[in-house]
N, C-alpha and C. Protein backbone atom coordinates (compact mmCIF):
# COMPACT_ATOMS: atom_id res chain seq x y z
N MET A 1 7.91 -32.77 40.89
CA MET A 1 6.57 -32.01 40.80
C MET A 1 6.26 -31.79 42.19
N ALA A 2 5.91 -30.50 42.49
CA ALA A 2 5.34 -30.15 43.81
C ALA A 2 3.94 -29.83 43.79
N ILE A 3 3.21 -30.84 44.23
CA ILE A 3 1.64 -30.67 44.40
C ILE A 3 1.22 -30.13 45.65
N GLU A 4 0.33 -29.10 45.61
CA GLU A 4 -0.04 -28.40 46.81
C GLU A 4 -1.67 -28.49 46.88
N ILE A 5 -2.11 -28.34 48.11
CA ILE A 5 -3.51 -28.28 48.40
C ILE A 5 -4.05 -27.06 47.62
N GLY A 6 -5.16 -27.28 47.04
CA GLY A 6 -5.92 -26.20 46.15
C GLY A 6 -5.45 -26.24 44.78
N GLN A 7 -4.40 -27.12 44.40
CA GLN A 7 -4.01 -27.10 43.04
C GLN A 7 -4.88 -27.98 42.10
N LYS A 8 -5.02 -27.56 40.89
CA LYS A 8 -5.79 -28.40 39.80
C LYS A 8 -4.92 -29.37 39.31
N VAL A 9 -5.35 -30.69 39.40
CA VAL A 9 -4.43 -31.81 38.77
C VAL A 9 -5.35 -32.69 37.87
N LYS A 10 -4.57 -33.51 37.13
CA LYS A 10 -5.13 -34.43 36.14
C LYS A 10 -4.80 -35.81 36.64
N VAL A 11 -5.57 -36.77 36.77
CA VAL A 11 -5.21 -38.18 37.01
C VAL A 11 -4.71 -38.75 35.68
N CYS A 12 -3.41 -39.14 35.72
CA CYS A 12 -2.82 -39.61 34.45
C CYS A 12 -2.59 -41.16 34.53
N ARG A 13 -2.82 -41.82 35.56
CA ARG A 13 -2.76 -43.22 35.70
C ARG A 13 -3.33 -43.65 37.09
N ILE A 14 -3.77 -44.90 37.09
CA ILE A 14 -4.38 -45.45 38.32
C ILE A 14 -3.53 -46.67 38.79
N ARG A 15 -2.90 -46.52 39.88
CA ARG A 15 -2.00 -47.62 40.33
C ARG A 15 -2.73 -48.62 41.04
N ASP A 16 -3.55 -48.35 41.95
CA ASP A 16 -4.34 -49.32 42.80
C ASP A 16 -5.65 -49.66 42.07
N ARG A 17 -6.20 -50.85 42.59
CA ARG A 17 -7.53 -51.16 41.95
C ARG A 17 -8.59 -50.32 42.71
N MET A 18 -9.56 -49.83 41.81
CA MET A 18 -10.61 -49.05 42.36
C MET A 18 -11.80 -49.63 41.70
N PRO A 19 -12.96 -49.42 42.35
CA PRO A 19 -14.30 -49.93 41.73
C PRO A 19 -14.43 -49.50 40.33
N GLU A 20 -14.99 -50.25 39.43
CA GLU A 20 -15.09 -50.00 37.98
C GLU A 20 -15.86 -48.59 37.80
N ASN A 21 -16.86 -48.44 38.62
CA ASN A 21 -17.64 -47.18 38.43
C ASN A 21 -16.73 -45.90 38.76
N VAL A 22 -15.90 -45.92 39.56
CA VAL A 22 -14.82 -44.94 39.90
C VAL A 22 -13.96 -44.76 38.75
N VAL A 23 -13.36 -45.70 38.18
CA VAL A 23 -12.49 -45.84 37.02
C VAL A 23 -13.19 -45.10 35.77
N LYS A 24 -14.37 -45.48 35.58
CA LYS A 24 -15.19 -44.96 34.60
C LYS A 24 -15.29 -43.48 34.69
N LYS A 25 -15.57 -42.98 35.92
CA LYS A 25 -15.73 -41.53 36.05
C LYS A 25 -14.51 -40.80 35.83
N ILE A 26 -13.35 -41.46 36.34
CA ILE A 26 -12.04 -40.75 36.21
C ILE A 26 -11.68 -40.68 34.63
N LYS A 27 -11.94 -41.68 33.96
CA LYS A 27 -11.70 -41.79 32.49
C LYS A 27 -12.45 -40.73 31.83
N GLN A 28 -13.71 -40.47 32.11
CA GLN A 28 -14.61 -39.46 31.56
C GLN A 28 -14.11 -38.05 31.68
N ASN A 29 -13.73 -37.83 33.01
CA ASN A 29 -13.19 -36.49 33.40
C ASN A 29 -12.07 -36.64 34.39
N PRO A 30 -10.84 -36.66 34.02
CA PRO A 30 -9.63 -36.92 34.99
C PRO A 30 -9.22 -35.64 35.80
N PHE A 31 -9.92 -34.61 35.75
CA PHE A 31 -9.53 -33.40 36.48
C PHE A 31 -10.06 -33.32 37.79
N GLY A 32 -9.40 -32.59 38.73
CA GLY A 32 -9.90 -32.43 40.07
C GLY A 32 -8.93 -31.40 40.83
N THR A 33 -9.30 -31.20 42.06
CA THR A 33 -8.51 -30.36 42.85
C THR A 33 -8.08 -31.04 44.06
N VAL A 34 -6.79 -30.81 44.53
CA VAL A 34 -6.22 -31.39 45.68
C VAL A 34 -6.79 -30.82 46.99
N GLU A 35 -7.35 -31.56 47.82
CA GLU A 35 -8.11 -31.13 49.11
C GLU A 35 -7.15 -31.39 50.21
N ASP A 36 -6.40 -32.42 50.25
CA ASP A 36 -5.56 -32.66 51.46
C ASP A 36 -4.49 -33.70 51.10
N TYR A 37 -3.72 -33.91 52.09
CA TYR A 37 -2.59 -34.92 52.08
C TYR A 37 -3.14 -36.16 52.79
N LYS A 38 -2.61 -37.33 52.34
CA LYS A 38 -2.92 -38.64 53.08
C LYS A 38 -1.65 -39.31 53.17
N MET A 39 -1.39 -39.77 54.50
CA MET A 39 -0.12 -40.55 54.78
C MET A 39 -0.51 -41.98 54.32
N VAL A 40 0.45 -42.51 53.59
CA VAL A 40 0.36 -43.76 53.02
C VAL A 40 1.50 -44.77 53.71
N ASP A 41 1.08 -46.05 53.78
CA ASP A 41 2.05 -47.06 54.37
C ASP A 41 3.42 -47.07 53.83
N GLY A 42 4.32 -46.57 54.38
CA GLY A 42 5.82 -46.74 54.06
C GLY A 42 6.18 -46.22 52.76
N SER A 43 5.37 -45.60 51.88
CA SER A 43 5.75 -45.11 50.54
C SER A 43 5.43 -43.66 50.34
N GLY A 44 5.50 -42.88 51.50
CA GLY A 44 5.28 -41.36 51.33
C GLY A 44 3.92 -40.89 51.63
N VAL A 45 3.61 -39.81 50.78
CA VAL A 45 2.30 -39.14 51.02
C VAL A 45 1.55 -39.18 49.66
N GLY A 46 0.22 -39.43 49.97
CA GLY A 46 -0.68 -39.45 48.90
C GLY A 46 -1.54 -38.05 48.99
N PHE A 47 -2.38 -37.90 47.95
CA PHE A 47 -3.16 -36.76 47.84
C PHE A 47 -4.64 -37.03 47.63
N VAL A 48 -5.41 -36.33 48.50
CA VAL A 48 -6.99 -36.55 48.36
C VAL A 48 -7.29 -35.57 47.35
N VAL A 49 -8.04 -35.99 46.23
CA VAL A 49 -8.42 -35.20 45.08
C VAL A 49 -9.84 -35.20 45.00
N LYS A 50 -10.59 -34.02 45.02
CA LYS A 50 -12.03 -33.94 44.68
C LYS A 50 -12.08 -33.68 43.18
N LEU A 51 -12.67 -34.70 42.51
CA LEU A 51 -12.79 -34.64 41.09
C LEU A 51 -13.95 -33.66 40.73
N ASP A 52 -13.88 -33.25 39.60
CA ASP A 52 -14.95 -32.19 39.07
C ASP A 52 -16.35 -32.73 39.35
N ASP A 53 -16.64 -34.03 39.31
CA ASP A 53 -17.98 -34.52 39.57
C ASP A 53 -18.25 -34.67 41.05
N ASN A 54 -17.47 -34.04 41.90
CA ASN A 54 -17.53 -34.01 43.41
C ASN A 54 -17.23 -35.48 44.14
N LEU A 55 -16.74 -36.47 43.32
CA LEU A 55 -16.24 -37.59 43.90
C LEU A 55 -14.83 -37.36 44.48
N SER A 56 -14.60 -37.76 45.75
CA SER A 56 -13.29 -37.52 46.41
C SER A 56 -12.62 -39.01 46.58
N THR A 57 -11.41 -39.06 46.26
CA THR A 57 -10.45 -40.22 46.42
C THR A 57 -9.03 -39.79 46.40
N TRP A 58 -8.26 -40.74 46.81
CA TRP A 58 -6.78 -40.37 46.99
C TRP A 58 -5.89 -41.02 46.00
N PHE A 59 -4.72 -40.52 45.60
CA PHE A 59 -3.89 -40.91 44.64
C PHE A 59 -2.37 -40.73 45.21
N PHE A 60 -1.49 -41.56 44.67
CA PHE A 60 -0.17 -41.42 44.91
C PHE A 60 0.42 -40.24 43.89
N GLU A 61 1.47 -39.56 44.23
CA GLU A 61 2.00 -38.47 43.49
C GLU A 61 2.19 -38.81 42.03
N ASP A 62 2.69 -40.08 41.73
CA ASP A 62 3.11 -40.47 40.35
C ASP A 62 1.84 -40.74 39.55
N GLU A 63 0.57 -40.69 40.20
CA GLU A 63 -0.67 -40.83 39.35
C GLU A 63 -1.12 -39.53 39.03
N LEU A 64 -0.65 -38.48 39.38
CA LEU A 64 -1.13 -37.03 39.17
C LEU A 64 -0.23 -36.24 38.41
N GLU A 65 -0.58 -35.41 37.62
CA GLU A 65 0.11 -34.33 37.00
C GLU A 65 -0.62 -32.95 37.14
N THR A 66 0.12 -31.88 37.17
CA THR A 66 -0.52 -30.68 37.44
C THR A 66 -1.18 -30.23 36.09
N ALA A 67 -2.29 -29.65 36.32
CA ALA A 67 -3.13 -29.04 35.14
C ALA A 67 -2.87 -27.68 35.09
N SER A 68 -2.87 -27.16 33.74
CA SER A 68 -2.61 -25.73 33.55
C SER A 68 -3.86 -24.93 33.44
């Protein structure tokens, strides 16, 4: 999967622990837009995603899938 900045994505899983309020928001609406890349420790590149409710957080590539 080639994820690019500006692309619409869906959060399909959450690998790391996040605050419960953030998880609830993602479960209610898992769609957002990739805003930037994030270097992650030793395991590649993550993606900063701005969710449709204007919350921004980052995800690993395997937590995202492209939205059509």
